[in-house]
């Protein structure tokens, strides 16, 4: 690694309007060695604190990450880049005070890479204007053998067996692995990465305001195998996606080197100070002064057993914030001006929607919101599961966010359920497939008074594959086939995510369907129906949130 300061050179590429030799901002000082050079094919940037990175002048790829003299970048001949690599691009560099900024232009897409004096972080922004790329992501590709190859998102290509779509692997012990098996919703992490104990390398996510999928979306975060390591910032990915792509400038997100620990919490999306970005003249950047806030007094009618999240979304941006337990008070900062749909979620189930307008430089104050659309408030004769928008509590549900349904650790997907005794949720499978466990039976008894009336049966689902949805039979009565709700078109039940569009199917079961003898069991049969076909775990299927029989 170079130990003497780089000679600072001036280079103005296409569209660059900032002098590379600009003076340091007041109150800042460059670290020893901070600067940049041009080796002919790459820009070489030294943070002056231990990190030297190189950026290709022809593609904008990050081609080298040397930290304290050791190279970390490179995976199977590929480098770190937007999408799967932009290819030929216009790349320029400018130094603005204590920041070096590289601009990459490829068609309508603009990407930015920055380094700051004295900090071992690589700051990244992506500005996507249209659908010329089908995904929005950055992939950091790292050398093998440095970080431990372990976890649900790791595998060994030379030893493990592909069991689905080229990206789900099964080990000799029967456990499954995939890059999809993150097990984490986007709202639950600020950073993801690896550590050796003495060196850590992390992807610190952005606020995802231009991403899609909402707070509960699950996507690729990282993976490792004997070929190398990948760290991801996924902003739009079609797998299990419920929303259209959003466009505009997203960032900063960043790669952060540490001496083994996790990144400084001040870097995290909700907390970091981005005032230093204001002086970089990045097109479409909106600083704190151009943003607003929404604050709510509280939520009335909360179930204390569940967390509540308040989300905001429109075609241009998305945000979310956790409501305070007990009171439901909430505050969401740093929002772009505009009118948003406000959604209150109990767990992951929407129980209230409204609209709210955000104005730059001000706080929009909301009175207490009364939650009156919780399906759990309806009296039920029996209920299996919890109305929270997730399959939580059902058989195999906890495993399915980081394993394939064929995993050896999964309990048998077949088996029937008896409502009495309190064990029904643990016995009921979280997922139903036409070709795996079709025809699950639920046994329950009714009193004579209950059997004398019609009742509404409700089945809540969280997603579906190939339009799988439940048709029910109660004793000898058979329901009509319900219409399929809108759900993601890709694999959903085998890639670590149950997240789709929550939907409730309702069936009015006539009194004539019930057993009139209170000592006899009524039998509910659930069949998965679909106009599409498939086999095994890729046959039509659906994920269950809750089912109940109303009074």
Protein backbone atom coordinates (compact mmCIF):
# COMPACT_ATOMS: atom_id res chain seq x y z
CA UNK A 1 0.00 0.00 0.00
CA UNK A 2 1.26 3.44 -0.89
CA UNK A 3 2.57 5.31 2.17
CA UNK A 4 3.33 8.71 0.70
CA UNK A 5 0.61 11.23 -0.08
CA UNK A 6 -0.84 11.03 -3.59
CA UNK A 7 -0.13 13.95 -5.86
CA UNK A 8 -3.50 15.62 -6.31
CA UNK A 9 -4.38 16.01 -9.95
CA UNK A 10 -7.16 17.92 -11.65
CA UNK A 11 -9.52 15.97 -13.90
CA UNK A 12 -12.91 17.20 -15.08
CA UNK A 13 -14.87 14.46 -16.84
CA UNK A 14 -18.11 14.84 -18.78
CA UNK A 15 -20.56 16.85 -16.71
CA UNK A 16 -18.16 17.41 -13.82
CA UNK A 17 -18.46 20.95 -12.57
CA UNK A 18 -16.37 20.87 -9.42
CA UNK A 19 -12.65 21.59 -9.23
CA UNK A 20 -10.62 18.61 -8.09
CA UNK A 21 -8.26 20.92 -6.28
CA UNK A 22 -10.93 22.70 -4.23
CA UNK A 23 -9.80 23.92 -0.83
CA UNK A 24 -10.72 22.08 2.33
CA UNK A 25 -13.95 23.18 3.96
CA UNK A 26 -13.53 25.36 7.07
CA UNK A 27 -12.79 23.37 10.18
CA UNK A 28 -11.64 20.21 8.34
CA UNK A 29 -8.19 18.80 7.83
CA UNK A 30 -6.96 16.11 5.47
CA UNK A 31 -5.56 12.94 6.99
CA UNK A 32 -1.94 12.20 6.20
CA UNK A 33 -1.82 10.56 2.79
CA UNK A 34 -5.35 11.57 1.81
CA UNK A 35 -5.72 12.18 -1.91
CA UNK A 36 -6.02 10.52 -5.29
CA UNK A 37 -4.09 9.64 -8.40
CA UNK A 38 -4.73 8.37 -11.92
CA UNK A 39 -2.79 5.25 -12.95
CA UNK A 40 -4.08 5.46 -16.51
CA UNK A 41 -6.93 2.94 -16.25
CA UNK A 42 -8.12 3.53 -12.68
CA UNK A 43 -8.60 6.29 -10.17
CA UNK A 44 -6.73 5.43 -6.97
CA UNK A 45 -8.13 7.04 -3.82
CA UNK A 46 -6.41 6.98 -0.42
CA UNK A 47 -8.51 7.89 2.63
CA UNK A 48 -5.36 8.51 4.63
CA UNK A 49 -6.64 6.20 7.36
CA UNK A 50 -5.81 2.74 6.05
CA UNK A 51 -8.13 2.26 3.06
CA UNK A 52 -7.09 2.61 -0.58
CA UNK A 53 -9.70 1.97 -3.28
CA UNK A 54 -9.50 1.87 -7.04
CA UNK A 55 -12.27 2.68 -9.52
CA UNK A 56 -12.16 1.67 -13.18
CA UNK A 57 -12.17 4.70 -15.47
CA UNK A 58 -13.99 2.71 -18.16
CA UNK A 59 -16.77 0.95 -16.20
CA UNK A 60 -17.04 2.59 -12.77
CA UNK A 61 -16.45 -0.78 -11.07
CA UNK A 62 -14.61 -0.73 -7.75
CA UNK A 63 -11.64 -2.91 -8.68
CA UNK A 64 -9.65 -2.85 -5.46
CA UNK A 65 -10.21 -2.39 -1.72
CA UNK A 66 -6.92 -2.50 0.14
CA UNK A 67 -7.30 -2.08 3.88
CA UNK A 68 -4.16 -1.84 5.99
CA UNK A 69 -2.14 -3.39 3.20
CA UNK A 70 -4.45 -6.34 2.43
CA UNK A 71 -6.63 -6.70 -0.68
CA UNK A 72 -10.27 -7.61 -0.03
CA UNK A 73 -11.95 -6.96 -3.39
CA UNK A 74 -12.51 -9.48 -6.20
CA UNK A 75 -14.70 -12.56 -6.70
CA UNK A 76 -14.21 -15.05 -9.51
CA UNK A 77 -12.82 -12.44 -11.87
CA UNK A 78 -15.67 -10.02 -11.15
CA UNK A 79 -15.56 -6.71 -9.32
CA UNK A 80 -17.91 -4.61 -7.16
CA UNK A 81 -20.52 -2.65 -9.05
CA UNK A 82 -24.08 -1.51 -9.68
CA UNK A 83 -26.51 -4.14 -10.98
CA UNK A 84 -24.31 -6.91 -12.45
CA UNK A 85 -21.87 -4.38 -13.85
CA UNK A 86 -22.67 -1.40 -16.05
CA UNK A 87 -20.07 -1.97 -18.73
CA UNK A 88 -18.70 0.94 -20.74
CA UNK A 89 -19.49 4.16 -18.87
CA UNK A 90 -18.36 7.76 -18.58
CA UNK A 91 -16.37 8.08 -15.37
CA UNK A 92 -15.07 11.33 -13.86
CA UNK A 93 -13.55 12.47 -10.57
CA UNK A 94 -13.57 15.64 -8.51
CA UNK A 95 -12.09 16.51 -5.14
CA UNK A 96 -14.25 18.82 -3.06
CA UNK A 97 -12.45 19.75 0.11
CA UNK A 98 -11.94 16.61 2.17
CA UNK A 99 -14.07 14.43 -0.13
CA UNK A 100 -13.17 12.68 -3.37
CA UNK A 101 -16.23 12.05 -5.55
CA UNK A 102 -16.31 9.73 -8.57
CA UNK A 103 -19.27 10.06 -10.96
CA UNK A 104 -20.28 7.16 -13.21
CA UNK A 105 -22.77 7.75 -16.04
CA UNK A 106 -24.28 4.90 -18.03
CA UNK A 107 -27.26 5.82 -20.17
CA UNK A 108 -29.89 7.29 -17.88
CA UNK A 109 -28.29 5.80 -14.75
CA UNK A 110 -25.88 7.80 -12.62
CA UNK A 111 -23.82 6.29 -9.81
CA UNK A 112 -21.56 8.02 -7.31
CA UNK A 113 -18.64 6.77 -5.22
CA UNK A 114 -17.10 8.95 -2.50
CA UNK A 115 -14.30 8.73 0.04
CA UNK A 116 -13.74 11.13 2.93
CA UNK A 117 -10.45 12.04 4.51
CA UNK A 118 -9.64 9.97 7.58
CA UNK A 119 -12.62 7.59 7.28
CA UNK A 120 -12.44 4.00 6.10
CA UNK A 121 -15.82 4.07 4.37
CA UNK A 122 -16.84 3.99 0.71
CA UNK A 123 -20.00 6.09 0.27
CA UNK A 124 -22.34 5.15 -2.59
CA UNK A 125 -25.38 6.61 -4.33
CA UNK A 126 -27.41 5.29 -7.26
CA UNK A 127 -29.75 7.48 -9.32
CA UNK A 128 -32.01 5.44 -11.57
CA UNK A 129 -34.34 7.27 -13.93
CA UNK A 130 -36.19 4.46 -15.73
CA UNK A 131 -36.54 0.71 -16.26
CA UNK A 132 -33.51 0.33 -18.50
CA UNK A 133 -32.21 -1.92 -15.71
CA UNK A 134 -34.67 -4.39 -14.20
CA UNK A 135 -33.08 -4.38 -10.75
CA UNK A 136 -31.55 -1.74 -8.51
CA UNK A 137 -28.70 -3.09 -6.46
CA UNK A 138 -25.04 -2.77 -5.60
CA UNK A 139 -22.92 -5.88 -5.14
CA UNK A 140 -19.62 -5.83 -3.28
CA UNK A 141 -17.63 -8.86 -4.43
CA UNK A 142 -14.92 -9.94 -2.00
CA UNK A 143 -12.10 -12.45 -2.02
CA UNK A 144 -12.62 -15.98 -0.67
CA UNK A 145 -10.85 -17.35 2.36
CA UNK A 146 -10.75 -14.12 4.36
CA UNK A 147 -14.07 -14.25 6.16
CA UNK A 148 -15.73 -17.38 7.61
CA UNK A 149 -17.88 -19.32 5.15
CA UNK A 150 -20.76 -20.13 7.48
CA UNK A 151 -24.44 -19.37 7.95
CA UNK A 152 -27.73 -19.99 6.17
CA UNK A 153 -26.53 -17.89 3.20
CA UNK A 154 -23.30 -19.86 2.66
CA UNK A 155 -22.60 -23.00 0.68
CA UNK A 156 -19.81 -25.02 -0.91
CA UNK A 157 -20.31 -25.44 -4.63
CA UNK A 158 -17.84 -28.29 -4.79
CA UNK A 159 -19.72 -30.37 -2.22
CA UNK A 160 -23.33 -29.22 -1.90
CA UNK A 161 -26.17 -30.15 -4.27
CA UNK A 162 -28.42 -27.72 -6.14
CA UNK A 163 -32.06 -28.59 -5.43
CA UNK A 164 -33.87 -25.58 -6.92
CA UNK A 165 -33.37 -22.91 -9.60
CA UNK A 166 -29.59 -22.94 -9.41
CA UNK A 167 -29.57 -20.94 -6.16
CA UNK A 168 -30.80 -23.28 -3.41
CA UNK A 169 -28.26 -25.80 -2.15
CA UNK A 170 -28.53 -28.85 0.09
CA UNK A 171 -25.64 -30.01 2.23
CA UNK A 172 -24.77 -33.61 2.98
CA UNK A 173 -26.50 -33.34 6.37
CA UNK A 174 -29.78 -32.34 4.70
CA UNK A 175 -29.69 -28.68 5.70
CA UNK A 176 -30.34 -26.12 2.96
CA UNK A 177 -28.48 -22.92 2.05
CA UNK A 178 -29.16 -20.03 -0.31
CA UNK A 179 -28.23 -16.40 -0.86
CA UNK A 180 -31.95 -15.74 -0.36
CA UNK A 181 -31.96 -17.06 3.21
CA UNK A 182 -31.22 -13.82 5.06
CA UNK A 183 -33.91 -14.34 7.68
CA UNK A 184 -34.18 -10.56 8.16
CA UNK A 185 -36.71 -7.92 7.13
CA UNK A 186 -35.32 -4.66 5.80
CA UNK A 187 -36.55 -2.74 8.86
CA UNK A 188 -34.63 -5.08 11.17
CA UNK A 189 -31.07 -4.37 10.05
CA UNK A 190 -28.83 -1.36 9.59
CA UNK A 191 -25.76 -3.23 8.40
CA UNK A 192 -24.73 -6.66 7.23
CA UNK A 193 -21.29 -8.12 6.73
CA UNK A 194 -18.49 -10.23 8.12
CA UNK A 195 -15.73 -10.05 10.69
CA UNK A 196 -12.58 -12.02 11.34
CA UNK A 197 -12.41 -10.61 14.85
CA UNK A 198 -9.68 -8.19 13.87
CA UNK A 199 -11.16 -6.83 10.61
CA UNK A 200 -14.79 -6.27 9.76
CA UNK A 201 -16.29 -5.33 6.40
CA UNK A 202 -19.90 -4.19 6.38
CA UNK A 203 -22.57 -2.94 4.02
CA UNK A 204 -24.42 -0.15 5.82
CA UNK A 205 -27.80 0.28 4.19
CA UNK A 206 -29.42 3.53 3.11
CA UNK A 207 -32.85 4.63 4.29
CA UNK A 208 -34.39 2.79 1.28
CA UNK A 209 -36.65 5.72 0.44
CA UNK A 210 -36.34 4.90 -3.28
CA UNK A 211 -36.50 1.15 -2.73
CA UNK A 212 -39.63 -0.97 -3.02
CA UNK A 213 -41.34 -3.61 -0.95
CA UNK A 214 -41.94 -1.76 2.31
CA UNK A 215 -40.54 -2.33 5.81
CA UNK A 216 -41.14 -6.09 5.86
CA UNK A 217 -39.49 -6.93 2.56
CA UNK A 218 -36.84 -9.66 2.62
CA UNK A 219 -34.15 -9.89 0.00
CA UNK A 220 -30.51 -10.78 -0.56
CA UNK A 221 -28.15 -9.33 2.04
CA UNK A 222 -24.97 -11.37 1.68
CA UNK A 223 -23.64 -14.75 0.61
CA UNK A 224 -20.41 -16.72 0.78
CA UNK A 225 -18.93 -19.82 -0.78
CA UNK A 226 -15.49 -21.11 -1.69
CA UNK A 227 -15.38 -18.67 -4.63
CA UNK A 228 -15.88 -15.51 -2.59
CA UNK A 229 -18.24 -13.26 -0.66
CA UNK A 230 -21.06 -10.96 -1.75
CA UNK A 231 -22.55 -8.03 0.16
CA UNK A 232 -25.71 -6.43 -1.23
CA UNK A 233 -27.67 -3.21 -1.10
CA UNK A 234 -30.94 -4.24 -2.77
CA UNK A 235 -33.28 -1.39 -3.67
CA UNK A 236 -35.48 -3.17 -6.21
CA UNK A 237 -35.46 -6.90 -6.80
CA UNK A 238 -38.26 -8.77 -8.49
CA UNK A 239 -38.15 -11.79 -6.19
CA UNK A 240 -41.32 -11.73 -4.03
CA UNK A 241 -41.78 -8.06 -4.90
CA UNK A 242 -45.12 -6.37 -4.13
CA UNK A 243 -44.48 -2.86 -5.43
CA UNK A 244 -43.46 -1.11 -8.60
CA UNK A 245 -39.91 0.18 -8.96
CA UNK A 246 -39.22 3.66 -7.61
CA UNK A 247 -36.86 6.04 -9.36
CA UNK A 248 -34.48 8.75 -8.23
CA UNK A 249 -31.35 9.21 -6.16
CA UNK A 250 -30.83 6.69 -3.36
CA UNK A 251 -28.07 6.94 -0.80
CA UNK A 252 -25.73 7.19 0.77
CA UNK A 253 -25.25 3.55 1.51
CA UNK A 254 -21.70 2.46 2.25
CA UNK A 255 -19.00 -0.14 2.64
CA UNK A 256 -17.37 0.29 6.03
CA UNK A 257 -14.13 -1.26 7.28
CA UNK A 258 -13.64 -1.68 11.02
CA UNK A 259 -11.06 -3.27 13.28
CA UNK A 260 -13.37 -6.21 13.87
CA UNK A 261 -16.40 -4.64 15.51
CA UNK A 262 -19.66 -3.48 13.98
CA UNK A 263 -19.84 -0.08 12.28
CA UNK A 264 -20.24 3.17 14.19
CA UNK A 265 -23.99 3.55 14.92
CA UNK A 266 -23.73 7.16 13.73
CA UNK A 267 -23.46 5.77 10.18
CA UNK A 268 -26.85 4.11 10.27
CA UNK A 269 -29.61 5.30 7.98
CA UNK A 270 -31.85 6.83 10.63
CA UNK A 271 -29.07 8.63 12.47
CA UNK A 272 -26.21 9.64 10.23
CA UNK A 273 -25.39 13.27 9.54
CA UNK A 274 -25.38 13.85 5.79
CA UNK A 275 -24.81 17.61 5.87
CA UNK A 276 -21.38 17.03 4.34
CA UNK A 277 -23.11 15.79 1.18
CA UNK A 278 -24.81 19.14 0.62
CA UNK A 279 -21.61 20.64 -0.75
CA UNK A 280 -20.97 17.90 -3.33
CA UNK A 281 -23.55 19.19 -5.85
CA UNK A 282 -24.87 15.69 -6.56
CA UNK A 283 -27.92 16.14 -8.84
CA UNK A 284 -31.27 15.28 -7.17
CA UNK A 285 -29.71 15.25 -3.69
CA UNK A 286 -32.17 16.62 -1.12
CA UNK A 287 -30.59 17.68 2.15
CA UNK A 288 -32.22 17.99 5.56
CA UNK A 289 -33.55 21.47 4.83
CA UNK A 290 -35.65 20.12 1.96
CA UNK A 291 -37.31 17.42 4.02
CA UNK A 292 -40.15 17.23 6.53
CA UNK A 293 -41.45 15.10 9.39
CA UNK A 294 -44.64 13.39 10.54
CA UNK A 295 -45.32 12.98 14.26
CA UNK A 296 -48.28 11.17 15.82
CA UNK A 297 -49.61 11.46 19.37
CA UNK A 298 -50.41 7.77 19.55
CA UNK A 299 -52.51 4.79 18.54
CA UNK A 300 -55.71 3.79 20.32
CA UNK A 301 -56.79 0.16 20.35
CA UNK A 302 -53.35 -1.46 20.24
CA UNK A 303 -52.86 -5.09 21.19
CA UNK A 304 -49.99 -5.05 23.71
CA UNK A 305 -48.86 -8.47 22.52
CA UNK A 306 -47.76 -7.08 19.15
CA UNK A 307 -45.37 -4.42 17.84
CA UNK A 308 -46.81 -1.68 15.63
CA UNK A 309 -45.18 -0.03 12.66
CA UNK A 310 -46.32 3.11 10.85
CA UNK A 311 -45.46 3.16 7.15
CA UNK A 312 -45.63 5.90 4.54
CA UNK A 313 -45.60 5.29 0.80
CA UNK A 314 -46.33 6.92 -2.53
CA UNK A 315 -45.03 6.33 -6.05
CA UNK A 316 -41.83 8.28 -5.32
CA UNK A 317 -40.73 7.28 -1.82
CA UNK A 318 -41.31 5.01 1.18
CA UNK A 319 -40.58 5.35 4.90
CA UNK A 320 -41.48 3.64 8.15
CA UNK A 321 -41.06 4.05 11.88
CA UNK A 322 -41.78 1.93 14.93
CA UNK A 323 -44.61 3.01 17.21
CA UNK A 324 -43.80 3.32 20.90
CA UNK A 325 -45.14 0.33 22.88
CA UNK A 326 -48.01 1.27 25.14
CA UNK A 327 -48.80 4.69 23.69
CA UNK A 328 -48.27 4.17 19.98
CA UNK A 329 -46.56 7.55 19.61
CA UNK A 330 -44.42 7.80 16.49
CA UNK A 331 -42.19 10.16 14.58
CA UNK A 332 -40.80 9.79 11.07
CA UNK A 333 -38.07 12.23 10.03
CA UNK A 334 -36.24 13.05 6.82
CA UNK A 335 -39.19 12.60 4.46
CA UNK A 336 -39.38 14.07 0.99
CA UNK A 337 -42.29 16.49 0.50
CA UNK A 338 -45.45 14.95 -0.90
CA UNK A 339 -48.71 13.18 -0.07
CA UNK A 340 -48.37 9.67 1.32
CA UNK A 341 -50.58 6.76 2.22
CA UNK A 342 -50.11 6.22 5.95
CA UNK A 343 -50.53 2.60 7.02
CA UNK A 344 -50.52 1.30 10.58
CA UNK A 345 -49.40 -2.31 10.85
CA UNK A 346 -50.09 -4.66 13.73
CA UNK A 347 -47.14 -6.95 13.27
CA UNK A 348 -47.21 -6.97 9.47
CA UNK A 349 -50.99 -6.67 9.04
CA UNK A 350 -52.47 -3.35 7.95
CA UNK A 351 -55.11 -2.26 10.46
CA UNK A 352 -55.49 1.41 9.46
CA UNK A 353 -54.87 3.56 6.40
CA UNK A 354 -55.10 7.31 5.82
CA UNK A 355 -53.34 10.03 3.84
CA UNK A 356 -50.85 12.57 5.13
CA UNK A 357 -49.02 15.46 3.46
CA UNK A 358 -45.38 16.24 4.21
CA UNK A 359 -43.99 19.75 3.76
CA UNK A 360 -40.30 20.63 3.68
CA UNK A 361 -38.98 22.19 6.86
CA UNK A 362 -42.05 21.47 8.98
CA UNK A 363 -43.56 18.73 11.12
CA UNK A 364 -47.03 17.42 10.31
CA UNK A 365 -48.75 16.64 13.63
CA UNK A 366 -51.40 13.92 13.83
CA UNK A 367 -53.95 13.33 16.57
CA UNK A 368 -54.45 9.91 18.15
CA UNK A 369 -55.36 7.30 15.51
CA UNK A 370 -58.12 4.86 16.45
CA UNK A 371 -57.47 1.34 15.18
CA UNK A 372 -60.84 -0.15 14.30
CA UNK A 373 -59.98 -2.59 11.50
CA UNK A 374 -58.19 -5.32 13.44
CA UNK A 375 -59.78 -8.65 12.39
CA UNK A 376 -58.86 -10.07 15.80
CA UNK A 377 -61.54 -7.86 17.37
CA UNK A 378 -64.30 -10.01 15.86
CA UNK A 379 -65.60 -12.64 18.34
CA UNK A 380 -64.75 -16.16 17.19
CA UNK A 381 -65.91 -19.65 18.10
CA UNK A 382 -62.34 -20.77 17.49
CA UNK A 383 -59.22 -19.23 16.05
CA UNK A 384 -55.99 -20.88 14.86
CA UNK A 385 -53.03 -18.54 14.74
CA UNK A 386 -52.86 -14.79 15.24
CA UNK A 387 -54.02 -11.99 12.97
CA UNK A 388 -50.66 -10.29 12.56
CA UNK A 389 -49.89 -10.64 8.85
CA UNK A 390 -47.30 -13.41 9.32
CA UNK A 391 -47.34 -17.23 9.59
CA UNK A 392 -45.70 -16.90 13.01
CA UNK A 393 -46.65 -19.66 15.45
CA UNK A 394 -47.56 -22.21 12.78
CA UNK A 395 -45.57 -25.36 12.14
CA UNK A 396 -42.19 -24.65 10.48
CA UNK A 397 -42.81 -20.89 10.32
CA UNK A 398 -39.68 -19.92 12.27
CA UNK A 399 -37.48 -22.03 9.99
CA UNK A 400 -38.80 -20.81 6.65
CA UNK A 401 -37.05 -17.42 6.60
CA UNK A 402 -33.64 -19.08 6.49
CA UNK A 403 -34.25 -22.54 4.99
CA UNK A 404 -35.98 -24.34 2.13
CA UNK A 405 -39.14 -26.36 2.91
CA UNK A 406 -37.19 -29.53 2.00
CA UNK A 407 -34.72 -28.86 4.82
CA UNK A 408 -34.14 -31.82 7.12
CA UNK A 409 -34.96 -29.62 10.12
CA UNK A 410 -38.55 -29.06 8.94
CA UNK A 411 -41.29 -31.07 10.62
CA UNK A 412 -43.55 -33.13 8.37
CA UNK A 413 -45.68 -30.83 6.24
CA UNK A 414 -48.62 -33.26 6.41
CA UNK A 415 -50.86 -33.97 9.38
CA UNK A 416 -54.27 -32.98 10.60
CA UNK A 417 -55.31 -30.54 13.32
CA UNK A 418 -57.71 -30.69 16.27
CA UNK A 419 -58.86 -27.29 17.50
CA UNK A 420 -59.39 -28.38 21.10
CA UNK A 421 -56.48 -28.51 23.53
CA UNK A 422 -54.47 -25.46 22.49
CA UNK A 423 -52.00 -27.22 20.20
CA UNK A 424 -53.63 -26.35 16.90
CA UNK A 425 -51.25 -23.56 15.75
CA UNK A 426 -48.13 -25.69 16.26
CA UNK A 427 -49.75 -28.57 14.37
CA UNK A 428 -51.03 -26.46 11.46
CA UNK A 429 -48.48 -26.06 8.61
CA UNK A 430 -47.48 -22.49 7.86
CA UNK A 431 -47.59 -23.21 4.10
CA UNK A 432 -50.00 -25.29 2.01
CA UNK A 433 -49.13 -26.72 -1.42
CA UNK A 434 -51.30 -28.56 -3.90
CA UNK A 435 -48.62 -31.22 -4.47
CA UNK A 436 -47.28 -31.54 -0.90
CA UNK A 437 -49.91 -31.32 1.83
CA UNK A 438 -53.19 -30.65 0.06
CA UNK A 439 -56.32 -31.56 2.00
CA UNK A 440 -55.29 -30.67 5.57
CA UNK A 441 -58.17 -31.54 7.91
CA UNK A 442 -59.25 -29.43 10.89
CA UNK A 443 -61.52 -31.09 13.49
CA UNK A 444 -63.77 -29.01 15.74
CA UNK A 445 -67.04 -29.31 17.66
CA UNK A 446 -69.98 -26.91 17.93
CA UNK A 447 -72.68 -26.57 20.53
CA UNK A 448 -76.26 -27.16 19.44
CA UNK A 449 -76.89 -23.41 19.43
CA UNK A 450 -73.82 -22.75 17.31
CA UNK A 451 -74.77 -25.50 14.86
CA UNK A 452 -78.20 -23.94 14.38
CA UNK A 453 -76.80 -20.89 12.57
CA UNK A 454 -74.64 -20.01 9.59
CA UNK A 455 -71.11 -18.82 10.38
CA UNK A 456 -68.34 -17.03 8.51
CA UNK A 457 -65.05 -18.84 8.10
CA UNK A 458 -62.04 -16.59 7.47
CA UNK A 459 -58.62 -17.63 6.16
CA UNK A 460 -55.90 -14.99 6.05
CA UNK A 461 -52.89 -15.49 3.78
CA UNK A 462 -49.63 -13.56 3.41
CA UNK A 463 -48.60 -14.59 -0.10
CA UNK A 464 -49.16 -17.26 -2.74
CA UNK A 465 -47.32 -19.04 -5.53
CA UNK A 466 -48.93 -19.77 -8.91
CA UNK A 467 -52.25 -18.32 -7.69
CA UNK A 468 -52.68 -21.01 -5.06
CA UNK A 469 -55.63 -20.27 -2.80
CA UNK A 470 -57.84 -22.28 -0.43
CA UNK A 471 -61.12 -23.91 -1.34
CA UNK A 472 -62.85 -25.33 1.72
CA UNK A 473 -65.12 -28.29 2.42
CA UNK A 474 -67.07 -28.47 5.69
CA UNK A 475 -68.41 -31.96 6.19
CA UNK A 476 -70.40 -32.38 2.93
CA UNK A 477 -70.63 -28.69 2.01
CA UNK A 478 -68.14 -27.39 -0.59
CA UNK A 479 -67.36 -23.71 -1.08
CA UNK A 480 -67.05 -21.96 -4.39
CA UNK A 481 -63.53 -21.47 -5.73
CA UNK A 482 -62.39 -17.98 -4.67
CA UNK A 483 -60.72 -15.56 -7.04
CA UNK A 484 -56.95 -15.18 -6.60
CA UNK A 485 -55.70 -11.93 -5.07
CA UNK A 486 -52.74 -10.10 -6.57
CA UNK A 487 -49.50 -11.68 -5.40
CA UNK A 488 -45.85 -11.68 -6.51
CA UNK A 489 -45.29 -13.63 -9.72
CA UNK A 490 -42.00 -15.19 -8.61
CA UNK A 491 -41.08 -17.94 -6.17
CA UNK A 492 -42.25 -16.99 -2.72
CA UNK A 493 -42.51 -20.01 -0.42
CA UNK A 494 -39.06 -21.45 -1.10
CA UNK A 495 -36.78 -18.40 -1.06
CA UNK A 496 -36.93 -17.35 2.58
CA UNK A 497 -39.87 -14.94 2.39
CA UNK A 498 -43.56 -15.30 3.17
CA UNK A 499 -44.07 -11.62 2.35
CA UNK A 500 -46.60 -10.86 -0.35
CA UNK A 501 -49.96 -9.11 -0.14
CA UNK A 502 -52.02 -9.97 2.91
CA UNK A 503 -55.50 -11.09 1.91
CA UNK A 504 -58.48 -12.54 3.77
CA UNK A 505 -60.74 -15.14 2.17
CA UNK A 506 -64.24 -15.38 3.65
CA UNK A 507 -66.68 -18.27 3.32
CA UNK A 508 -70.24 -18.15 4.63
CA UNK A 509 -70.97 -21.70 5.78
CA UNK A 510 -74.72 -22.42 6.01
CA UNK A 511 -76.28 -23.98 9.08
CA UNK A 512 -77.13 -27.05 7.02
CA UNK A 513 -73.42 -27.87 6.76
CA UNK A 514 -72.84 -28.49 10.49
CA UNK A 515 -73.07 -31.64 12.55
CA UNK A 516 -76.07 -31.28 14.84
CA UNK A 517 -74.71 -33.63 17.51
CA UNK A 518 -72.40 -31.58 19.80
CA UNK A 519 -70.33 -34.69 20.53
CA UNK A 520 -69.39 -35.17 16.90
CA UNK A 521 -66.51 -33.44 15.18
CA UNK A 522 -67.10 -31.19 12.24
CA UNK A 523 -64.38 -31.63 9.62
CA UNK A 524 -62.95 -28.70 7.69
CA UNK A 525 -60.88 -29.67 4.66
CA UNK A 526 -58.54 -27.18 2.97
CA UNK A 527 -57.60 -27.77 -0.64
CA UNK A 528 -55.24 -25.60 -2.68
CA UNK A 529 -56.74 -24.72 -6.06
CA UNK A 530 -55.16 -22.99 -9.04
CA UNK A 531 -55.35 -22.86 -12.80
CA UNK A 532 -51.58 -23.37 -12.91
CA UNK A 533 -49.56 -26.51 -12.31
CA UNK A 534 -46.27 -27.38 -10.69
CA UNK A 535 -44.64 -30.12 -8.70
CA UNK A 536 -43.53 -30.50 -5.12
CA UNK A 537 -42.67 -27.27 -3.33
CA UNK A 538 -43.00 -25.42 -6.64
CA UNK A 539 -46.63 -26.42 -7.04
CA UNK A 540 -49.37 -23.83 -6.34
CA UNK A 541 -49.28 -22.89 -2.69
CA UNK A 542 -50.03 -20.24 -0.11
CA UNK A 543 -48.79 -19.02 3.29
CA UNK A 544 -51.27 -18.83 6.17
CA UNK A 545 -51.69 -15.90 8.55
CA UNK A 546 -54.72 -17.00 10.58
CA UNK A 547 -58.00 -18.88 10.26
CA UNK A 548 -61.08 -18.59 12.42
CA UNK A 549 -64.79 -19.34 12.61
CA UNK A 550 -66.78 -16.30 13.70
CA UNK A 551 -69.62 -16.34 16.19
